[in-house]
C-alpha cells in the first residue's frame, strides 16, 4: 500500500488536498492544483 499525505498550497499554505504516495519515493511530491483560498492554480507541496 502507500502512505497518506496532505498537500498544502505554496502561496497561502492552506491544506487543500490529501493523496496516497508510494513508500519508496524519497523526494517530496509537487503538483499543480486549484486553491480555493487563492482562487488560482498554484503548486501544492507535500507537508511534513
C-alpha atoms as a PDB file:
ATOM      1  CA  UNK A   1       0.000   0.000   0.000  1.00  0.00           C
ATOM      2  CA  UNK A   2       1.085   3.627   0.180  1.00  0.00           C
ATOM      3  CA  UNK A   3       1.495   6.436   2.630  1.00  0.00           C
ATOM      4  CA  UNK A   4      -1.281   9.023   3.082  1.00  0.00           C
ATOM      5  CA  UNK A   5      -0.113  12.626   2.846  1.00  0.00           C
ATOM      6  CA  UNK A   6      -1.520  16.149   2.744  1.00  0.00           C
ATOM      7  CA  UNK A   7      -0.803  18.733   0.050  1.00  0.00           C
ATOM      8  CA  UNK A   8      -0.516  22.417   1.029  1.00  0.00           C
ATOM      9  CA  UNK A   9      -0.617  25.474  -1.231  1.00  0.00           C
ATOM     10  CA  UNK A  10       2.804  27.093  -1.688  1.00  0.00           C
ATOM     11  CA  UNK A  11       1.241  30.596  -1.800  1.00  0.00           C
ATOM     12  CA  UNK A  12      -1.150  30.674   1.166  1.00  0.00           C
ATOM     13  CA  UNK A  13      -0.193  27.421   2.991  1.00  0.00           C
ATOM     14  CA  UNK A  14      -3.793  26.187   3.170  1.00  0.00           C
ATOM     15  CA  UNK A  15      -4.053  22.384   3.228  1.00  0.00           C
ATOM     16  CA  UNK A  16      -6.482  21.557   0.435  1.00  0.00           C
ATOM     17  CA  UNK A  17      -5.792  18.033  -0.827  1.00  0.00           C
ATOM     18  CA  UNK A  18      -4.888  14.599   0.501  1.00  0.00           C
ATOM     19  CA  UNK A  19      -3.480  11.737  -1.567  1.00  0.00           C
ATOM     20  CA  UNK A  20      -1.521   8.495  -1.397  1.00  0.00           C
ATOM     21  CA  UNK A  21       2.198   8.186  -2.134  1.00  0.00           C
ATOM     22  CA  UNK A  22       4.467   5.247  -2.848  1.00  0.00           C
ATOM     23  CA  UNK A  23       6.558   4.465   0.237  1.00  0.00           C
ATOM     24  CA  UNK A  24       9.722   4.017  -1.862  1.00  0.00           C
ATOM     25  CA  UNK A  25       9.661   7.598  -3.243  1.00  0.00           C
ATOM     26  CA  UNK A  26      12.222   9.770  -1.465  1.00  0.00           C
ATOM     27  CA  UNK A  27      11.577  13.262  -2.861  1.00  0.00           C
ATOM     28  CA  UNK A  28       8.635  15.458  -1.879  1.00  0.00           C
ATOM     29  CA  UNK A  29       5.584  15.476  -4.105  1.00  0.00           C
ATOM     30  CA  UNK A  30       4.749  18.713  -6.002  1.00  0.00           C
ATOM     31  CA  UNK A  31       1.540  19.010  -8.019  1.00  0.00           C
ATOM     32  CA  UNK A  32      -0.129  21.999  -9.658  1.00  0.00           C
ATOM     33  CA  UNK A  33      -3.696  22.130  -8.291  1.00  0.00           C
ATOM     34  CA  UNK A  34      -6.514  24.645  -7.824  1.00  0.00           C
ATOM     35  CA  UNK A  35      -6.524  26.501  -4.492  1.00  0.00           C
ATOM     36  CA  UNK A  36      -9.916  27.739  -3.275  1.00  0.00           C
ATOM     37  CA  UNK A  37      -8.340  30.356  -0.998  1.00  0.00           C
ATOM     38  CA  UNK A  38      -6.138  31.885  -3.746  1.00  0.00           C
ATOM     39  CA  UNK A  39      -8.737  31.218  -6.478  1.00  0.00           C
ATOM     40  CA  UNK A  40      -5.935  30.217  -8.897  1.00  0.00           C
ATOM     41  CA  UNK A  41      -3.899  27.181  -9.904  1.00  0.00           C
ATOM     42  CA  UNK A  42      -0.781  27.018  -7.714  1.00  0.00           C
ATOM     43  CA  UNK A  43       1.899  24.477  -6.818  1.00  0.00           C
ATOM     44  CA  UNK A  44       0.877  22.269  -3.893  1.00  0.00           C
ATOM     45  CA  UNK A  45       3.643  20.542  -1.938  1.00  0.00           C
ATOM     46  CA  UNK A  46       3.710  17.594   0.414  1.00  0.00           C
ATOM     47  CA  UNK A  47       3.688  18.671   4.077  1.00  0.00           C
ATOM     48  CA  UNK A  48       5.648  17.039   6.883  1.00  0.00           C
END
